[in-house]
Structure formats: C-alpha cells, structure tokens
Amino acid sequence: MSESRDDLRQRLSPEQYRVACECGTEPPFDNAYWDNKEPGIYVDIISGRPLFASSAKFDSGTGWPSFFEPLEADEIVEVEDHSLGMRRVEVRSRTGNAHLGHVFPDGPAPTGLRYCINSASLRFVPVAELESEGLGEFRKLFE
C-alpha cells in the first residue's frame, strides 16, 4: 500500500488503526461482525481487497468473526507470532499489510482451520452492493 501512516490515521477510526496497523485486538463479542449473518464479502480495511466470504464464516464461540478458509488465499500472509508467551500464527493481508488476526488448527471441515479475525480490520460488503463495489465476480458465490 502506498498510503502513509498519517493518511491511514485520517481515514481509519482510532480502533481500526490500532488493530490493523499496530497489531491490536478488539474485545470479543463487542465488535462489528462477530455475529453478522448477512451474506456478502469481507474486505481488507486498508486495501479493499477481498479476504473472506460469509459462506466460509462460522460461529466459533470466541466472539470474533471466524472463517474456515480465505476467499483469495494469495491475499493472506501467515507470520509466526511469539507474543503473549505462546506460539501462534498471525494472519496479515498481503496488499494492505493489515494485521487481521490469527489462524488456528481447530476449525471445522473442510479445512480444519479457524481464521479468527478482528472486525476492525475488515469492511463488510453485502451481496446487494458487490457490483457497485467492483466485486461483482463474487456474486456467483451467493446464487
């Protein structure tokens, strides 16, 4: 992304900036999308690139949006994370370099993965707005 830190601070809310740019974590059960059941696509808050589809979302009971697979795997970057005294795998967006959350090997079939993602790193695009947002190619997922 070519946006400067100052530009991002202006465009994003303080919570979005803290989570996406400073590797923060939002509170469970108190974030925009943990319980969203509307069909659509979740995009990177920084780049706008598609990351996850509602069809891969499931209720993990953690209070954060959880997905069993990314929509575009090449847009997801996994990084070893040894913070908090444990080994975890951080998930970042390739284009926007946003901190998204973490991936764990305790998800449902078919992948067995749980992408535990911060709502503050995402923007939700409902199915009805896919075309106007330039994401019409994903409409077929919801037909």
C-alpha atoms as a PDB file:
ATOM      1  CA  MET A   1       0.000   0.000   0.000  1.00  0.00           C
ATOM      2  CA  SER A   2       1.253   3.448  -0.749  1.00  0.00           C
ATOM      3  CA  GLU A   3      -0.793   5.181   1.957  1.00  0.00           C
ATOM      4  CA  SER A   4       1.290   6.803   4.679  1.00  0.00           C
ATOM      5  CA  ARG A   5       0.685   6.181   8.375  1.00  0.00           C
ATOM      6  CA  ASP A   6      -0.698   9.732   8.631  1.00  0.00           C
ATOM      7  CA  ASP A   7      -3.127   9.078   5.760  1.00  0.00           C
ATOM      8  CA  LEU A   8      -4.274   5.866   7.416  1.00  0.00           C
ATOM      9  CA  ARG A   9      -4.768   7.642  10.748  1.00  0.00           C
ATOM     10  CA  GLN A  10      -7.002  10.152   8.942  1.00  0.00           C
ATOM     11  CA  ARG A  11      -9.031   7.544   7.054  1.00  0.00           C
ATOM     12  CA  LEU A  12      -9.438   4.832   9.693  1.00  0.00           C
ATOM     13  CA  SER A  13     -11.133   5.078  13.061  1.00  0.00           C
ATOM     14  CA  PRO A  14      -8.769   5.010  16.056  1.00  0.00           C
ATOM     15  CA  GLU A  15      -9.823   1.392  16.759  1.00  0.00           C
ATOM     16  CA  GLN A  16      -9.298   0.318  13.132  1.00  0.00           C
ATOM     17  CA  TYR A  17      -5.856   1.921  13.110  1.00  0.00           C
ATOM     18  CA  ARG A  18      -4.860   0.352  16.454  1.00  0.00           C
ATOM     19  CA  VAL A  19      -5.918  -3.127  15.350  1.00  0.00           C
ATOM     20  CA  ALA A  20      -4.898  -3.143  11.669  1.00  0.00           C
ATOM     21  CA  CYS A  21      -1.719  -1.042  11.874  1.00  0.00           C
ATOM     22  CA  GLU A  22      -0.476  -1.660  15.409  1.00  0.00           C
ATOM     23  CA  CYS A  23      -1.365  -5.375  15.763  1.00  0.00           C
ATOM     24  CA  GLY A  24      -4.074  -4.719  18.314  1.00  0.00           C
ATOM     25  CA  THR A  25      -7.004  -6.922  19.255  1.00  0.00           C
ATOM     26  CA  GLU A  26     -10.563  -5.768  19.700  1.00  0.00           C
ATOM     27  CA  PRO A  27     -12.756  -7.104  22.505  1.00  0.00           C
ATOM     28  CA  PRO A  28     -14.646 -10.353  21.885  1.00  0.00           C
ATOM     29  CA  PHE A  29     -18.432 -10.135  21.489  1.00  0.00           C
ATOM     30  CA  ASP A  30     -18.106  -6.336  21.226  1.00  0.00           C
ATOM     31  CA  ASN A  31     -17.130  -5.819  17.595  1.00  0.00           C
ATOM     32  CA  ALA A  32     -18.970  -5.184  14.352  1.00  0.00           C
ATOM     33  CA  TYR A  33     -19.032  -8.582  12.672  1.00  0.00           C
ATOM     34  CA  TRP A  34     -18.739 -11.357  15.275  1.00  0.00           C
ATOM     35  CA  ASP A  35     -22.476 -12.108  14.939  1.00  0.00           C
ATOM     36  CA  ASN A  36     -23.103 -10.836  11.396  1.00  0.00           C
ATOM     37  CA  LYS A  37     -25.100 -13.409   9.448  1.00  0.00           C
ATOM     38  CA  GLU A  38     -25.769 -11.328   6.322  1.00  0.00           C
ATOM     39  CA  PRO A  39     -24.409 -12.764   3.033  1.00  0.00           C
ATOM     40  CA  GLY A  40     -21.517 -10.876   1.476  1.00  0.00           C
ATOM     41  CA  ILE A  41     -17.775 -10.384   1.290  1.00  0.00           C
ATOM     42  CA  TYR A  42     -15.351  -9.145   3.940  1.00  0.00           C
ATOM     43  CA  VAL A  43     -12.590  -6.938   2.516  1.00  0.00           C
ATOM     44  CA  ASP A  44      -9.329  -5.587   3.928  1.00  0.00           C
ATOM     45  CA  ILE A  45      -9.964  -2.251   5.692  1.00  0.00           C
ATOM     46  CA  ILE A  46      -6.743  -0.843   4.208  1.00  0.00           C
ATOM     47  CA  SER A  47      -6.614  -2.090   0.605  1.00  0.00           C
ATOM     48  CA  GLY A  48     -10.233  -3.064  -0.045  1.00  0.00           C
ATOM     49  CA  ARG A  49      -9.085  -6.447  -1.405  1.00  0.00           C
ATOM     50  CA  PRO A  50     -11.487  -9.362  -0.820  1.00  0.00           C
ATOM     51  CA  LEU A  51     -10.433 -11.610   2.064  1.00  0.00           C
ATOM     52  CA  PHE A  52     -13.331 -13.778   3.245  1.00  0.00           C
ATOM     53  CA  ALA A  53     -16.847 -14.741   2.153  1.00  0.00           C
ATOM     54  CA  SER A  54     -19.789 -15.092   4.513  1.00  0.00           C
ATOM     55  CA  SER A  55     -20.228 -18.628   3.154  1.00  0.00           C
ATOM     56  CA  ALA A  56     -16.975 -19.601   4.957  1.00  0.00           C
ATOM     57  CA  LYS A  57     -17.982 -17.889   8.229  1.00  0.00           C
ATOM     58  CA  PHE A  58     -18.954 -19.961  11.252  1.00  0.00           C
ATOM     59  CA  ASP A  59     -19.747 -19.397  14.911  1.00  0.00           C
ATOM     60  CA  SER A  60     -16.593 -20.366  16.781  1.00  0.00           C
ATOM     61  CA  GLY A  61     -17.930 -19.180  20.123  1.00  0.00           C
ATOM     62  CA  THR A  62     -14.920 -16.885  20.534  1.00  0.00           C
ATOM     63  CA  GLY A  63     -16.668 -13.552  19.934  1.00  0.00           C
ATOM     64  CA  TRP A  64     -14.689 -12.711  16.800  1.00  0.00           C
ATOM     65  CA  PRO A  65     -15.603 -13.379  13.166  1.00  0.00           C
ATOM     66  CA  SER A  66     -14.244 -16.811  12.271  1.00  0.00           C
ATOM     67  CA  PHE A  67     -13.804 -18.350   8.832  1.00  0.00           C
ATOM     68  CA  PHE A  68     -12.667 -21.815   7.744  1.00  0.00           C
ATOM     69  CA  GLU A  69     -10.947 -20.533   4.584  1.00  0.00           C
ATOM     70  CA  PRO A  70      -9.975 -17.282   2.904  1.00  0.00           C
ATOM     71  CA  LEU A  71     -11.696 -16.156  -0.277  1.00  0.00           C
ATOM     72  CA  GLU A  72      -8.385 -15.436  -2.012  1.00  0.00           C
ATOM     73  CA  ALA A  73      -5.608 -17.440  -0.357  1.00  0.00           C
ATOM     74  CA  ASP A  74      -2.840 -15.424  -2.041  1.00  0.00           C
ATOM     75  CA  GLU A  75      -4.079 -12.295  -0.233  1.00  0.00           C
ATOM     76  CA  ILE A  76      -3.397 -13.902   3.170  1.00  0.00           C
ATOM     77  CA  VAL A  77       0.084 -13.929   4.705  1.00  0.00           C
ATOM     78  CA  GLU A  78       0.897 -16.096   7.727  1.00  0.00           C
ATOM     79  CA  VAL A  79       3.594 -14.941  10.168  1.00  0.00           C
ATOM     80  CA  GLU A  80       4.984 -16.722  13.260  1.00  0.00           C
ATOM     81  CA  ASP A  81       3.839 -14.839  16.366  1.00  0.00           C
ATOM     82  CA  HIS A  82       5.522 -15.477  19.717  1.00  0.00           C
ATOM     83  CA  SER A  83       3.824 -12.649  21.629  1.00  0.00           C
ATOM     84  CA  LEU A  84       1.945 -13.375  24.860  1.00  0.00           C
ATOM     85  CA  GLY A  85       4.424 -16.166  25.623  1.00  0.00           C
ATOM     86  CA  MET A  86       2.942 -18.620  23.126  1.00  0.00           C
ATOM     87  CA  ARG A  87       3.374 -19.732  19.532  1.00  0.00           C
ATOM     88  CA  ARG A  88       0.594 -18.534  17.258  1.00  0.00           C
ATOM     89  CA  VAL A  89       0.262 -17.834  13.552  1.00  0.00           C
ATOM     90  CA  GLU A  90      -0.631 -14.233  12.780  1.00  0.00           C
ATOM     91  CA  VAL A  91      -2.695 -13.531   9.669  1.00  0.00           C
ATOM     92  CA  ARG A  92      -1.986 -10.364   7.653  1.00  0.00           C
ATOM     93  CA  SER A  93      -3.316  -9.055   4.367  1.00  0.00           C
ATOM     94  CA  ARG A  94      -0.757  -9.134   1.566  1.00  0.00           C
ATOM     95  CA  THR A  95      -1.754  -5.938  -0.248  1.00  0.00           C
ATOM     96  CA  GLY A  96      -2.699  -3.765   2.733  1.00  0.00           C
ATOM     97  CA  ASN A  97      -0.298  -5.366   5.227  1.00  0.00           C
ATOM     98  CA  ALA A  98      -3.077  -5.137   7.829  1.00  0.00           C
ATOM     99  CA  HIS A  99      -2.982  -7.243  10.962  1.00  0.00           C
ATOM    100  CA  LEU A 100      -6.129  -9.351  10.622  1.00  0.00           C
ATOM    101  CA  GLY A 101      -5.908 -11.811  13.498  1.00  0.00           C
ATOM    102  CA  HIS A 102      -4.656 -15.388  13.857  1.00  0.00           C
ATOM    103  CA  VAL A 103      -5.265 -18.806  12.327  1.00  0.00           C
ATOM    104  CA  PHE A 104      -5.670 -21.941  14.457  1.00  0.00           C
ATOM    105  CA  PRO A 105      -5.870 -25.645  13.549  1.00  0.00           C
ATOM    106  CA  ASP A 106      -9.171 -26.204  15.404  1.00  0.00           C
ATOM    107  CA  GLY A 107     -11.745 -25.194  12.803  1.00  0.00           C
ATOM    108  CA  PRO A 108     -14.491 -27.165  11.083  1.00  0.00           C
ATOM    109  CA  ALA A 109     -14.371 -29.220   7.893  1.00  0.00           C
ATOM    110  CA  PRO A 110     -13.453 -28.969   5.139  1.00  0.00           C
ATOM    111  CA  THR A 111     -10.184 -27.248   6.130  1.00  0.00           C
ATOM    112  CA  GLY A 112      -9.933 -27.780   9.885  1.00  0.00           C
ATOM    113  CA  LEU A 113      -8.774 -24.159  10.165  1.00  0.00           C
ATOM    114  CA  ARG A 114     -10.171 -21.247  12.165  1.00  0.00           C
ATOM    115  CA  TYR A 115      -9.225 -17.814  10.890  1.00  0.00           C
ATOM    116  CA  CYS A 116     -10.048 -15.706  13.946  1.00  0.00           C
ATOM    117  CA  ILE A 117     -10.252 -12.186  12.528  1.00  0.00           C
ATOM    118  CA  ASN A 118     -10.713  -8.736  14.054  1.00  0.00           C
ATOM    119  CA  SER A 119     -13.780  -6.898  12.720  1.00  0.00           C
ATOM    120  CA  ALA A 120     -11.779  -3.660  12.875  1.00  0.00           C
ATOM    121  CA  SER A 121      -9.504  -4.990  10.103  1.00  0.00           C
ATOM    122  CA  LEU A 122     -12.455  -5.699   7.830  1.00  0.00           C
ATOM    123  CA  ARG A 123     -15.177  -3.917   5.919  1.00  0.00           C
ATOM    124  CA  PHE A 124     -18.290  -5.882   5.054  1.00  0.00           C
ATOM    125  CA  VAL A 125     -19.828  -5.602   1.576  1.00  0.00           C
ATOM    126  CA  PRO A 126     -23.371  -7.034   1.382  1.00  0.00           C
ATOM    127  CA  VAL A 127     -24.332  -9.090  -1.682  1.00  0.00           C
ATOM    128  CA  ALA A 128     -26.578  -6.279  -2.971  1.00  0.00           C
ATOM    129  CA  GLU A 129     -23.559  -3.935  -3.124  1.00  0.00           C
ATOM    130  CA  LEU A 130     -20.997  -6.267  -4.708  1.00  0.00           C
ATOM    131  CA  GLU A 131     -21.384  -4.816  -8.219  1.00  0.00           C
ATOM    132  CA  SER A 132     -21.212  -1.195  -7.085  1.00  0.00           C
ATOM    133  CA  GLU A 133     -18.082  -2.006  -5.051  1.00  0.00           C
ATOM    134  CA  GLY A 134     -16.355  -3.642  -8.034  1.00  0.00           C
ATOM    135  CA  LEU A 135     -16.753  -7.133  -6.565  1.00  0.00           C
ATOM    136  CA  GLY A 136     -19.398  -8.457  -8.960  1.00  0.00           C
ATOM    137  CA  GLU A 137     -17.274 -11.508  -9.809  1.00  0.00           C
ATOM    138  CA  PHE A 138     -18.097 -12.897  -6.343  1.00  0.00           C
ATOM    139  CA  ARG A 139     -21.878 -12.671  -6.775  1.00  0.00           C
ATOM    140  CA  LYS A 140     -21.902 -16.265  -8.082  1.00  0.00           C
ATOM    141  CA  LEU A 141     -20.994 -17.459  -4.565  1.00  0.00           C
ATOM    142  CA  PHE A 142     -24.433 -16.383  -3.392  1.00  0.00           C
ATOM    143  CA  GLU A 143     -26.641 -17.689  -6.221  1.00  0.00           C
END
